[in-house]
Structure formats: structure tokens, C-alpha cells
Protein backbone atom coordinates (compact mmCIF):
# COMPACT_ATOMS: atom_id res chain seq x y z
CA MET A 1 31.60 21.10 -11.88
CA SER A 2 34.46 20.24 -14.26
CA LYS A 3 35.97 16.80 -14.17
CA GLU A 4 39.56 16.09 -13.26
CA ILE A 5 41.74 14.86 -16.09
CA TYR A 6 43.75 11.70 -15.84
CA LEU A 7 46.35 10.38 -18.25
CA THR A 8 48.00 7.01 -18.38
CA GLY A 9 49.30 4.61 -20.98
CA ASP A 10 51.52 1.72 -22.05
CA ARG A 11 54.31 1.06 -24.51
CA PRO A 12 53.32 -1.13 -27.49
CA THR A 13 56.13 -3.68 -27.25
CA GLY A 14 53.88 -6.73 -27.02
CA LYS A 15 50.60 -7.83 -25.50
CA LEU A 16 49.83 -6.63 -21.97
CA HIS A 17 50.05 -9.09 -19.09
CA ILE A 18 48.08 -9.44 -15.88
CA GLY A 19 50.74 -7.44 -14.06
CA HIS A 20 49.56 -4.46 -16.10
CA TYR A 21 45.96 -5.46 -15.38
CA ILE A 22 46.38 -5.60 -11.60
CA GLY A 23 48.91 -2.79 -11.35
CA SER A 24 47.11 -0.18 -13.43
CA LEU A 25 44.37 -1.22 -15.85
CA LYS A 26 41.77 -2.14 -13.22
CA ASN A 27 42.35 1.18 -11.51
CA ARG A 28 41.95 3.06 -14.79
CA VAL A 29 38.63 1.38 -15.52
CA ALA A 30 37.31 2.10 -12.02
CA MET A 31 38.28 5.77 -12.34
CA GLN A 32 36.78 5.97 -15.83
CA ASN A 33 33.48 4.51 -14.64
CA SER A 34 33.29 6.73 -11.56
CA GLY A 35 32.19 9.64 -13.73
CA LYS A 36 34.59 11.97 -11.91
CA TYR A 37 37.28 12.06 -14.58
CA ASP A 38 37.98 12.91 -18.20
CA PRO A 39 40.37 10.04 -19.02
CA PHE A 40 43.16 10.05 -21.62
CA VAL A 41 44.74 6.66 -22.33
CA MET A 42 47.84 6.69 -24.51
CA ILE A 43 49.56 3.99 -26.52
CA ALA A 44 53.13 5.24 -26.13
CA ASP A 45 54.64 4.18 -29.45
CA THR A 46 57.18 7.03 -29.53
CA GLN A 47 58.51 5.94 -26.17
CA ALA A 48 58.69 2.33 -27.40
CA PHE A 49 61.18 3.46 -30.03
CA THR A 50 63.66 4.44 -27.28
CA ASP A 51 64.80 0.81 -27.07
CA ASN A 52 63.17 -0.67 -30.19
CA ALA A 53 64.24 1.84 -32.83
CA ARG A 54 65.39 -0.85 -35.24
CA ASP A 55 62.23 -2.92 -34.96
CA PRO A 56 59.34 -0.69 -36.04
CA GLU A 57 57.26 -3.68 -37.13
CA LYS A 58 57.19 -4.94 -33.53
CA ILE A 59 55.75 -1.61 -32.41
CA ARG A 60 53.23 -1.44 -35.24
CA ARG A 61 52.09 -5.01 -34.60
CA SER A 62 51.80 -4.39 -30.87
CA LEU A 63 49.73 -1.24 -31.35
CA THR A 64 46.56 -3.18 -32.10
CA GLU A 65 47.36 -5.80 -29.43
CA VAL A 66 47.49 -3.12 -26.73
CA ALA A 67 44.34 -1.49 -28.07
CA LEU A 68 42.55 -4.86 -27.89
CA ASP A 69 43.75 -5.36 -24.31
CA TYR A 70 42.42 -1.92 -23.39
CA LEU A 71 39.00 -2.60 -24.86
CA ALA A 72 38.86 -6.07 -23.34
CA VAL A 73 39.43 -4.92 -19.75
CA GLY A 74 36.78 -2.23 -20.08
CA ILE A 75 38.47 0.96 -21.22
CA ASP A 76 35.58 2.47 -23.15
CA PRO A 77 36.23 4.88 -26.07
CA SER A 78 32.88 6.56 -25.35
CA LYS A 79 34.21 7.50 -21.90
CA SER A 80 37.98 7.65 -22.42
CA THR A 81 40.09 9.22 -25.16
CA ILE A 82 42.32 6.39 -26.40
CA PHE A 83 45.08 7.76 -28.61
CA VAL A 84 48.49 7.09 -30.14
CA GLN A 85 51.44 9.12 -28.83
CA SER A 86 53.20 9.66 -32.16
CA GLN A 87 50.07 11.25 -33.63
CA ILE A 88 50.17 14.18 -31.19
CA GLU A 89 52.19 16.71 -33.12
CA ALA A 90 53.00 19.09 -30.25
CA LEU A 91 54.51 16.50 -27.89
CA PRO A 92 58.09 16.59 -29.28
CA GLU A 93 58.08 20.40 -29.07
CA LEU A 94 57.06 20.45 -25.41
CA ALA A 95 59.54 17.68 -24.59
CA MET A 96 62.35 19.71 -26.17
CA TYR A 97 61.48 22.74 -24.04
CA PHE A 98 61.48 20.53 -20.94
CA LEU A 99 64.90 19.09 -21.81
CA ASN A 100 66.37 22.55 -21.31
CA LEU A 101 65.01 22.63 -17.74
CA VAL A 102 66.56 19.40 -16.43
CA SER A 103 70.15 18.24 -16.08
CA VAL A 104 71.64 15.00 -17.36
CA ALA A 105 72.70 14.23 -13.79
CA ARG A 106 69.10 14.49 -12.59
CA LEU A 107 67.93 12.11 -15.30
CA GLN A 108 70.68 9.64 -14.41
CA ARG A 109 69.55 9.68 -10.77
CA ASN A 110 66.01 8.62 -11.63
CA PRO A 111 65.74 5.21 -9.88
CA THR A 112 63.25 3.77 -12.38
CA VAL A 113 65.49 4.66 -15.32
CA LYS A 114 68.57 3.32 -13.52
CA ALA A 115 66.84 0.00 -12.85
CA GLU A 116 65.62 -0.36 -16.43
CA ILE A 117 69.03 0.52 -17.87
CA GLN A 118 70.56 -2.23 -15.76
CA GLN A 119 67.81 -4.70 -16.69
CA LYS A 120 68.21 -4.03 -20.41
CA GLY A 121 72.00 -4.31 -20.23
CA PHE A 122 72.76 -1.14 -22.19
CA GLY A 123 76.17 -0.68 -20.54
CA GLU A 124 77.78 2.43 -22.01
CA GLY A 125 75.47 2.34 -25.04
CA ILE A 126 72.41 3.95 -23.46
CA PRO A 127 70.24 5.50 -26.18
CA ALA A 128 69.79 9.21 -25.49
CA GLY A 129 66.07 8.82 -26.06
CA PHE A 130 65.87 6.19 -23.35
CA LEU A 131 67.72 8.31 -20.80
CA THR A 132 65.38 11.22 -21.47
CA TYR A 133 62.09 9.34 -21.64
CA PRO A 134 60.95 10.71 -18.23
CA VAL A 135 60.97 14.10 -19.94
CA SER A 136 58.83 12.73 -22.75
CA GLN A 137 56.46 11.30 -20.14
CA ALA A 138 56.26 14.70 -18.47
CA ALA A 139 55.23 16.22 -21.78
CA ASP A 140 52.58 13.53 -22.26
CA ILE A 141 51.05 14.26 -18.87
CA THR A 142 51.25 18.03 -18.85
CA ILE A 143 50.11 18.73 -22.40
CA PHE A 144 46.67 17.43 -21.38
CA LYS A 145 46.87 19.17 -17.99
CA ALA A 146 46.31 15.87 -16.25
CA THR A 147 45.88 16.14 -12.50
CA LYS A 148 45.91 12.38 -11.88
CA VAL A 149 48.13 9.66 -13.34
CA PRO A 150 47.15 6.04 -12.55
CA VAL A 151 50.42 4.07 -12.53
CA GLY A 152 52.22 1.22 -10.83
CA ASP A 153 54.36 1.86 -7.77
CA ASP A 154 57.56 1.71 -9.83
CA GLN A 155 56.50 4.85 -11.71
CA ALA A 156 56.50 7.11 -8.62
CA PRO A 157 59.90 8.64 -9.58
CA MET A 158 58.48 9.55 -12.98
CA ILE A 159 55.61 11.45 -11.43
CA GLU A 160 58.00 13.33 -9.15
CA GLN A 161 60.20 14.26 -12.10
CA THR A 162 57.14 15.58 -13.93
CA ARG A 163 56.18 17.69 -10.92
CA GLU A 164 59.71 19.13 -10.82
CA LEU A 165 59.57 20.04 -14.51
CA VAL A 166 56.18 21.73 -14.11
CA ARG A 167 57.53 23.84 -11.25
CA SER A 168 60.66 24.69 -13.26
CA PHE A 169 58.63 25.70 -16.31
CA ASN A 170 56.10 27.81 -14.43
CA HIS A 171 58.88 29.52 -12.46
CA ALA A 172 61.07 30.17 -15.51
CA TYR A 173 58.28 31.77 -17.52
CA GLY A 174 56.34 33.40 -14.70
CA LYS A 175 52.98 31.85 -15.41
CA ASP A 176 51.15 28.85 -13.99
CA VAL A 177 50.45 27.39 -17.41
CA LEU A 178 51.11 23.76 -16.55
CA VAL A 179 49.61 21.63 -13.78
CA GLU A 180 51.44 19.44 -11.25
CA PRO A 181 49.97 15.93 -11.43
CA GLU A 182 49.53 13.38 -8.67
CA GLY A 183 50.15 9.65 -9.05
CA VAL A 184 47.27 7.28 -8.35
CA PHE A 185 48.72 3.99 -7.16
CA PRO A 186 47.21 0.49 -6.78
CA PRO A 187 45.80 -0.60 -3.42
CA LYS A 188 48.44 -1.64 -0.90
CA GLY A 189 49.83 -5.06 -1.67
CA GLN A 190 48.84 -4.89 -5.34
CA GLY A 191 51.56 -2.64 -6.67
CA ARG A 192 53.49 -5.31 -8.50
CA LEU A 193 52.57 -8.83 -9.47
CA PRO A 194 55.56 -11.20 -9.42
CA GLY A 195 56.40 -13.39 -12.37
CA ILE A 196 55.25 -17.01 -12.37
CA ASP A 197 58.91 -18.00 -11.89
CA GLY A 198 59.13 -16.18 -8.57
CA ASN A 199 60.98 -13.20 -10.02
CA ALA A 200 59.97 -9.97 -8.32
CA LYS A 201 58.77 -8.48 -11.60
CA MET A 202 56.51 -9.87 -14.29
CA SER A 203 58.06 -8.83 -17.56
CA LYS A 204 57.72 -9.45 -21.27
CA SER A 205 61.50 -9.61 -21.57
CA LEU A 206 61.76 -12.24 -18.80
CA ASN A 207 59.03 -14.39 -20.39
CA ASN A 208 57.48 -15.03 -16.98
CA GLY A 209 54.06 -13.50 -17.45
CA ILE A 210 50.44 -14.46 -17.93
CA TYR A 211 48.89 -12.37 -20.67
CA ILE A 212 45.41 -10.88 -20.82
CA SER A 213 45.00 -12.65 -24.17
CA ASP A 214 46.12 -16.09 -22.95
CA ASP A 215 43.52 -18.80 -23.61
CA ALA A 216 42.22 -21.04 -20.83
CA ASP A 217 44.65 -23.86 -21.57
CA THR A 218 47.65 -21.53 -21.59
CA LEU A 219 46.50 -19.92 -18.35
CA ALA A 220 46.18 -23.34 -16.71
CA LYS A 221 49.59 -24.44 -17.98
CA LYS A 222 51.26 -21.33 -16.61
CA VAL A 223 49.58 -21.65 -13.22
CA LYS A 224 50.72 -25.29 -13.01
CA SER A 225 54.31 -24.15 -13.59
CA MET A 226 54.21 -21.45 -10.88
CA TYR A 227 56.94 -21.20 -8.30
CA THR A 228 55.75 -22.31 -4.84
CA ASP A 229 57.93 -23.53 -1.96
CA PRO A 230 60.92 -25.65 -3.05
CA THR A 231 61.13 -27.21 0.44
CA HIS A 232 57.52 -28.42 0.27
CA ILE A 233 58.40 -31.79 -1.26
CA ASN A 234 55.71 -33.99 0.31
CA ILE A 235 52.09 -33.03 0.88
CA ASP A 236 52.43 -33.59 4.64
CA ASP A 237 55.45 -31.26 4.87
CA PRO A 238 54.77 -27.81 6.37
CA GLY A 239 54.91 -25.22 3.58
CA HIS A 240 56.03 -21.61 3.43
CA ILE A 241 53.77 -18.78 2.32
CA GLU A 242 56.32 -16.00 1.86
CA GLY A 243 57.69 -15.97 -1.67
CA ASN A 244 55.11 -18.54 -2.75
CA VAL A 245 53.71 -17.07 -5.96
CA VAL A 246 50.46 -19.06 -5.85
CA PHE A 247 49.44 -17.50 -2.56
CA THR A 248 50.52 -14.06 -3.76
CA TYR A 249 48.12 -14.44 -6.67
CA LEU A 250 45.34 -15.82 -4.47
CA ASP A 251 45.65 -12.78 -2.21
CA ILE A 252 44.94 -10.62 -5.25
CA PHE A 253 42.47 -12.64 -7.33
CA ASP A 254 40.40 -14.57 -4.77
CA PRO A 255 37.68 -12.34 -3.30
CA ASP A 256 37.09 -14.82 -0.45
CA LYS A 257 39.86 -13.74 1.92
CA ASP A 258 38.72 -16.08 4.70
CA ARG A 259 39.07 -19.03 2.35
CA VAL A 260 42.57 -17.92 1.35
CA GLN A 261 43.58 -17.62 5.00
CA GLU A 262 42.27 -21.13 5.71
CA MET A 263 44.34 -22.47 2.84
CA LYS A 264 47.41 -20.64 4.10
CA ASP A 265 46.98 -22.08 7.58
CA HIS A 266 46.47 -25.58 6.18
CA TYR A 267 49.51 -25.28 3.89
CA GLN A 268 51.76 -24.04 6.69
CA ALA A 269 50.61 -26.84 8.99
CA GLY A 270 51.13 -29.50 6.30
CA GLY A 271 48.66 -31.69 4.44
CA LEU A 272 47.83 -29.38 1.53
CA GLY A 273 49.51 -30.10 -1.80
CA ASP A 274 50.80 -27.56 -4.32
CA MET A 275 48.62 -28.88 -7.13
CA LYS A 276 45.45 -28.43 -5.08
CA ILE A 277 46.16 -24.76 -4.44
CA LYS A 278 47.16 -24.32 -8.07
CA ARG A 279 43.89 -25.85 -9.28
CA HIS A 280 41.99 -23.47 -7.03
CA LEU A 281 43.96 -20.53 -8.41
CA MET A 282 43.18 -21.65 -11.96
CA GLU A 283 39.45 -21.54 -11.21
CA VAL A 284 39.64 -18.16 -9.50
CA MET A 285 41.68 -16.58 -12.30
CA GLU A 286 39.55 -18.06 -15.05
CA THR A 287 36.45 -16.57 -13.39
CA GLU A 288 37.97 -13.09 -13.72
CA MET A 289 39.99 -13.40 -16.91
CA GLY A 290 37.60 -15.56 -18.96
CA PRO A 291 35.05 -12.80 -19.69
CA ILE A 292 37.88 -10.36 -20.49
CA ARG A 293 39.36 -12.85 -22.96
CA ALA A 294 35.94 -13.34 -24.60
CA ARG A 295 35.51 -9.57 -25.08
CA ARG A 296 38.99 -9.36 -26.59
CA GLU A 297 38.17 -12.06 -29.11
CA GLU A 298 35.04 -10.16 -30.16
CA PHE A 299 36.91 -6.88 -30.69
CA ALA A 300 39.64 -8.73 -32.62
CA LYS A 301 37.09 -9.70 -35.27
CA ASP A 302 37.05 -6.09 -36.57
CA ILE A 303 40.56 -4.61 -36.50
CA PRO A 304 39.63 -1.76 -38.93
CA ALA A 305 37.08 -0.58 -36.35
CA VAL A 306 39.78 -0.67 -33.65
CA MET A 307 42.11 1.42 -35.84
CA LYS A 308 39.32 3.90 -36.59
CA MET A 309 38.74 4.25 -32.84
CA LEU A 310 42.44 5.02 -32.35
CA GLN A 311 42.42 7.56 -35.18
CA GLU A 312 39.40 9.41 -33.80
CA GLY A 313 40.87 9.43 -30.30
CA SER A 314 44.19 10.73 -31.62
CA GLU A 315 42.48 13.54 -33.51
CA ARG A 316 40.63 14.66 -30.39
CA ALA A 317 43.78 14.45 -28.27
CA ASN A 318 45.78 16.34 -30.89
CA ALA A 319 43.38 19.28 -30.82
CA ILE A 320 43.48 19.50 -27.01
CA ALA A 321 47.29 19.26 -26.96
CA GLU A 322 47.59 22.10 -29.48
CA ASN A 323 45.49 24.36 -27.26
CA THR A 324 47.91 23.77 -24.39
CA MET A 325 50.89 24.43 -26.66
CA LYS A 326 49.46 27.80 -27.63
CA GLU A 327 49.50 28.72 -23.94
CA VAL A 328 53.04 27.36 -23.59
CA ARG A 329 54.30 29.38 -26.56
CA ASP A 330 52.59 32.50 -25.24
CA ALA A 331 54.26 32.06 -21.85
CA MET A 332 57.66 31.52 -23.45
CA GLY A 333 57.27 34.38 -25.92
CA VAL A 334 57.80 32.22 -28.99
CA ASN A 335 54.46 33.08 -30.57
CA TYR A 336 56.30 35.46 -32.89
CA PHE A 337 53.71 35.66 -35.63
CA ASN A 338 50.50 35.30 -33.63
CA LYS A 339 50.49 38.38 -31.44
């Protein structure tokens, strides 16, 4: 029985944070280790250029950081093909064909793109590459015929746009060459980890994240600074749970749900201080993140080996992508000299 293919990835614009870890990376590792899938994990450097075109060094530097984060959390190159987007020669060709099957208006309606355009403050100066990056993502997914795409909840519109493009392509050229993928989303309640400042989104640009690579002291410092309940001034005051980032993190990281509920009840009744719950969160997070950090430090001792792993993964991915493109060109009738 053949395995299903999944594809997922991240932009190399800095180290990955625990929002990535909870929202997608843990899910990828679980799927990889299930033995049911042939995983492709992409470092999306081409996509990173859509809003970092004048800072190539940032992307190059971040390439190894993202690779180290992948290896640290358990993405295994013996089980998953880890590759670099720009090294897949056929991707720009497929993306260009897709661009002819979607309107500018449809791209502008994509809610994820709209939100990111607003967040980045492009105004009228939206780079064309940024507006069309859902099309590039569709090419990434479909060129490997991925049936599953592990992503965060905010990427649901991207998956739907990919499905639309697959239907448009197969209809236009009369052959079911490409496959409609399905999104695989985090468990309910774990779709997005808020920033330590209480912002709804943890983001590199907002500087409100905890990174997979953060050492123990940095992790502790960031937990101590977390947003809680501004009305909870004295320990005896009743506290609020909703919007309290510490309890949001405990819900996700503490496996003892009864203990978390007891702490919530105590906090709401009064008599439980913010620093006590923060110290507990520090211990819980260090238990999970400490071993990951240690693995990352080991992999970081041999960067040439990490780069060799990326090269080998890219070569394998490139060969598979070219096979799909042969089918695409056949369907479109542009295989002029290979009949």
C-alpha cells in the first residue's frame, strides 16, 4: 500500500518560535513517525524573498537556523525529505502556469494575504510576488502531489486556493494530473499560540515570541514577562483566566489537565500569585523544550553536515518535481520536442 504524501514548510526569515512548534512542527513529526506518510518539508526561501528581496543575507543566514530547528524537534532526514525551495527548478514554471488560471481579484480576496499585507504596512506598494505567493504555495504542494498539508489554522485559505487551482488546471487541460490536497490542522485550541505580550499572534516581527533555540535563562525571563491579568494586583484578588497568556500556555504545555484546572480555580477565587503560576509554567516548558534545545546544540556543531543534508534532500525533491512537470507539460501540450 502506497503512502500518502504530505508537504509543509517555513520561510527562512529568522529562527522558528514555539508558535511554529505548537501550531505545525509537532504535528509534522507525529505524522512522519506514524509511518503512513512520505513527508516533504520545505525551507521556503523563494517565498521569503517576496518581502525580503533586498536582504538576501538574512534569508541565507536563516536557512541553517530553520534547518537546525527542524532537526531539533525531530524532523528526521531519513524519514522526511527536507529541501530548499529555490533549488527545485520546475517550481517557477508551474507557478507561472497557475498564474494564468487565477484572477488578481481572487488573490486580493485571500484573507490570509489581506491580513499580512495590513500587518506589514505595504500600503499601495505591495510587491507583486507577495500578492501572488498563494500561487507559489500551490505549486509547491501540487508538484509533489501532496494529499495532506500540515499547517496552522491561518493557512486554511491557502489550502482552499490550492484546491481551486488544481480544479482549474485539471478542467482546463482535460486530465486529472494534479491532486487536490487537504489541510491537516492542529488539535482544537492549539491553532495559534499568542505572543507573550498578549497579542493574538506570536510573530518574529512583533518581537513577542519564545524561540525553539532560546536557552533556559532566556526562556525563564520571557515567561516572567508574560501578560497575565492587569487587574490582579494583589495575590488575594480574584484573577481572570481569559486573555491570561500564562494559563493559555499551561493549557497547551502542561499534560496534567487536572492540575491546571485546580490552578485556574484557585487563581479565580484569589490567593494565587502571578509569579507562582509563571514559575510552574517555566518548569513545564523547560521539561519539553530543554531536550529539543540540547539536540539543536548538537546539530549546530556540524553545519557542513546540515548543509549536505539539505543538498541531498533538494536533489531528491528536484527529481520528483521534474517527473510531475513532465506530466503537466504533456497535459498542456507544451512538450514540443519530446513527443
